[in-house]
Amino acid sequence: MATNRVQLQRGLSITELFDRYGTEDKCRQALEAALAARFRVSILRR
């Protein structure tokens, strides 16, 4: 069977993905944290 390039990508395993973002609350918290960090960076660059 041929190797799929997607299988060789760096990043999270499916287990790590579900550990970090497996519930709606975990996903929302991660999104809010990422948006807050991006907002802080944009303010600092002004």
N, C-alpha and C. Protein backbone atom coordinates (compact mmCIF):
# COMPACT_ATOMS: atom_id res chain seq x y z
N MET A 1 0.84 -1.17 0.00
CA MET A 1 0.00 0.00 0.00
C MET A 1 0.89 1.24 0.00
N ALA A 2 0.53 2.24 -0.76
CA ALA A 2 1.29 3.48 -0.85
C ALA A 2 1.13 4.30 0.44
N THR A 3 2.17 5.06 0.76
CA THR A 3 2.13 5.92 1.93
C THR A 3 1.41 7.22 1.59
N ASN A 4 0.51 7.60 2.42
CA ASN A 4 -0.24 8.85 2.25
C ASN A 4 0.57 9.98 2.87
N ARG A 5 0.79 11.08 2.15
CA ARG A 5 1.58 12.20 2.67
C ARG A 5 0.95 12.80 3.92
N VAL A 6 -0.37 12.75 4.03
CA VAL A 6 -1.05 13.30 5.19
C VAL A 6 -0.61 12.57 6.46
N GLN A 7 -0.34 11.29 6.35
CA GLN A 7 0.09 10.51 7.51
C GLN A 7 1.44 10.96 8.04
N LEU A 8 2.25 11.58 7.23
CA LEU A 8 3.61 11.95 7.61
C LEU A 8 3.74 13.40 8.04
N GLN A 9 2.64 14.12 8.14
CA GLN A 9 2.69 15.53 8.53
C GLN A 9 3.01 15.66 10.01
N ARG A 10 3.74 16.72 10.33
CA ARG A 10 4.00 17.04 11.73
C ARG A 10 2.73 17.59 12.34
N GLY A 11 2.64 17.49 13.63
CA GLY A 11 1.50 18.06 14.32
C GLY A 11 1.01 17.14 15.41
N LEU A 12 -0.24 17.28 15.74
CA LEU A 12 -0.83 16.51 16.82
C LEU A 12 -1.28 15.14 16.35
N SER A 13 -1.13 14.18 17.22
CA SER A 13 -1.75 12.88 16.94
C SER A 13 -3.24 13.03 17.22
N ILE A 14 -4.02 12.09 16.81
CA ILE A 14 -5.46 12.17 17.04
C ILE A 14 -5.76 12.17 18.54
N THR A 15 -4.95 11.45 19.31
CA THR A 15 -5.13 11.43 20.76
C THR A 15 -4.85 12.79 21.37
N GLU A 16 -3.76 13.42 20.94
CA GLU A 16 -3.43 14.76 21.44
C GLU A 16 -4.48 15.77 21.03
N LEU A 17 -4.98 15.65 19.82
CA LEU A 17 -6.02 16.55 19.34
C LEU A 17 -7.26 16.47 20.24
N PHE A 18 -7.71 15.26 20.52
CA PHE A 18 -8.89 15.10 21.37
C PHE A 18 -8.62 15.50 22.81
N ASP A 19 -7.39 15.30 23.29
CA ASP A 19 -7.06 15.74 24.65
C ASP A 19 -7.14 17.26 24.77
N ARG A 20 -6.68 17.97 23.73
CA ARG A 20 -6.68 19.44 23.77
C ARG A 20 -8.03 20.05 23.41
N TYR A 21 -8.71 19.51 22.42
CA TYR A 21 -9.89 20.15 21.86
C TYR A 21 -11.11 19.25 21.82
N GLY A 22 -11.13 18.18 22.60
CA GLY A 22 -12.15 17.14 22.47
C GLY A 22 -13.54 17.50 22.95
N THR A 23 -13.67 18.58 23.70
CA THR A 23 -15.00 19.02 24.12
C THR A 23 -15.24 20.43 23.62
N GLU A 24 -16.48 20.83 23.61
CA GLU A 24 -16.80 22.18 23.15
C GLU A 24 -16.14 23.23 24.05
N ASP A 25 -16.12 22.99 25.35
CA ASP A 25 -15.50 23.94 26.28
C ASP A 25 -14.00 24.06 26.04
N LYS A 26 -13.32 22.94 25.86
CA LYS A 26 -11.87 22.97 25.59
C LYS A 26 -11.58 23.71 24.30
N CYS A 27 -12.38 23.44 23.29
CA CYS A 27 -12.18 24.08 21.99
C CYS A 27 -12.41 25.59 22.10
N ARG A 28 -13.48 25.99 22.77
CA ARG A 28 -13.78 27.41 22.93
C ARG A 28 -12.68 28.13 23.71
N GLN A 29 -12.19 27.51 24.77
CA GLN A 29 -11.12 28.12 25.56
C GLN A 29 -9.85 28.30 24.73
N ALA A 30 -9.51 27.31 23.94
CA ALA A 30 -8.32 27.40 23.09
C ALA A 30 -8.48 28.50 22.04
N LEU A 31 -9.66 28.59 21.46
CA LEU A 31 -9.92 29.62 20.46
C LEU A 31 -9.85 31.01 21.08
N GLU A 32 -10.47 31.18 22.24
CA GLU A 32 -10.44 32.48 22.92
C GLU A 32 -9.02 32.87 23.30
N ALA A 33 -8.23 31.92 23.76
CA ALA A 33 -6.84 32.21 24.12
C ALA A 33 -6.03 32.62 22.90
N ALA A 34 -6.24 31.92 21.78
CA ALA A 34 -5.51 32.25 20.56
C ALA A 34 -5.90 33.64 20.04
N LEU A 35 -7.18 33.95 20.10
CA LEU A 35 -7.64 35.27 19.64
C LEU A 35 -7.13 36.37 20.56
N ALA A 36 -7.12 36.13 21.86
CA ALA A 36 -6.62 37.12 22.80
C ALA A 36 -5.13 37.38 22.57
N ALA A 37 -4.37 36.33 22.34
CA ALA A 37 -2.93 36.48 22.09
C ALA A 37 -2.70 37.27 20.80
N ARG A 38 -3.47 36.99 19.78
CA ARG A 38 -3.32 37.71 18.51
C ARG A 38 -3.69 39.18 18.68
N PHE A 39 -4.73 39.46 19.46
CA PHE A 39 -5.15 40.83 19.71
C PHE A 39 -4.06 41.60 20.45
N ARG A 40 -3.44 40.95 21.46
CA ARG A 40 -2.37 41.61 22.22
C ARG A 40 -1.19 41.94 21.31
N VAL A 41 -0.83 41.03 20.43
CA VAL A 41 0.28 41.27 19.52
C VAL A 41 -0.02 42.43 18.58
N SER A 42 -1.26 42.51 18.09
CA SER A 42 -1.60 43.60 17.17
C SER A 42 -1.55 44.95 17.88
N ILE A 43 -1.90 44.99 19.15
CA ILE A 43 -1.83 46.24 19.91
C ILE A 43 -0.38 46.65 20.12
N LEU A 44 0.48 45.68 20.42
CA LEU A 44 1.88 45.98 20.67
C LEU A 44 2.61 46.46 19.42
N ARG A 45 2.14 46.07 18.26
CA ARG A 45 2.81 46.47 17.00
C ARG A 45 2.44 47.87 16.56
N ARG A 46 1.48 48.47 17.19
CA ARG A 46 1.06 49.82 16.78
C ARG A 46 2.01 50.87 17.23
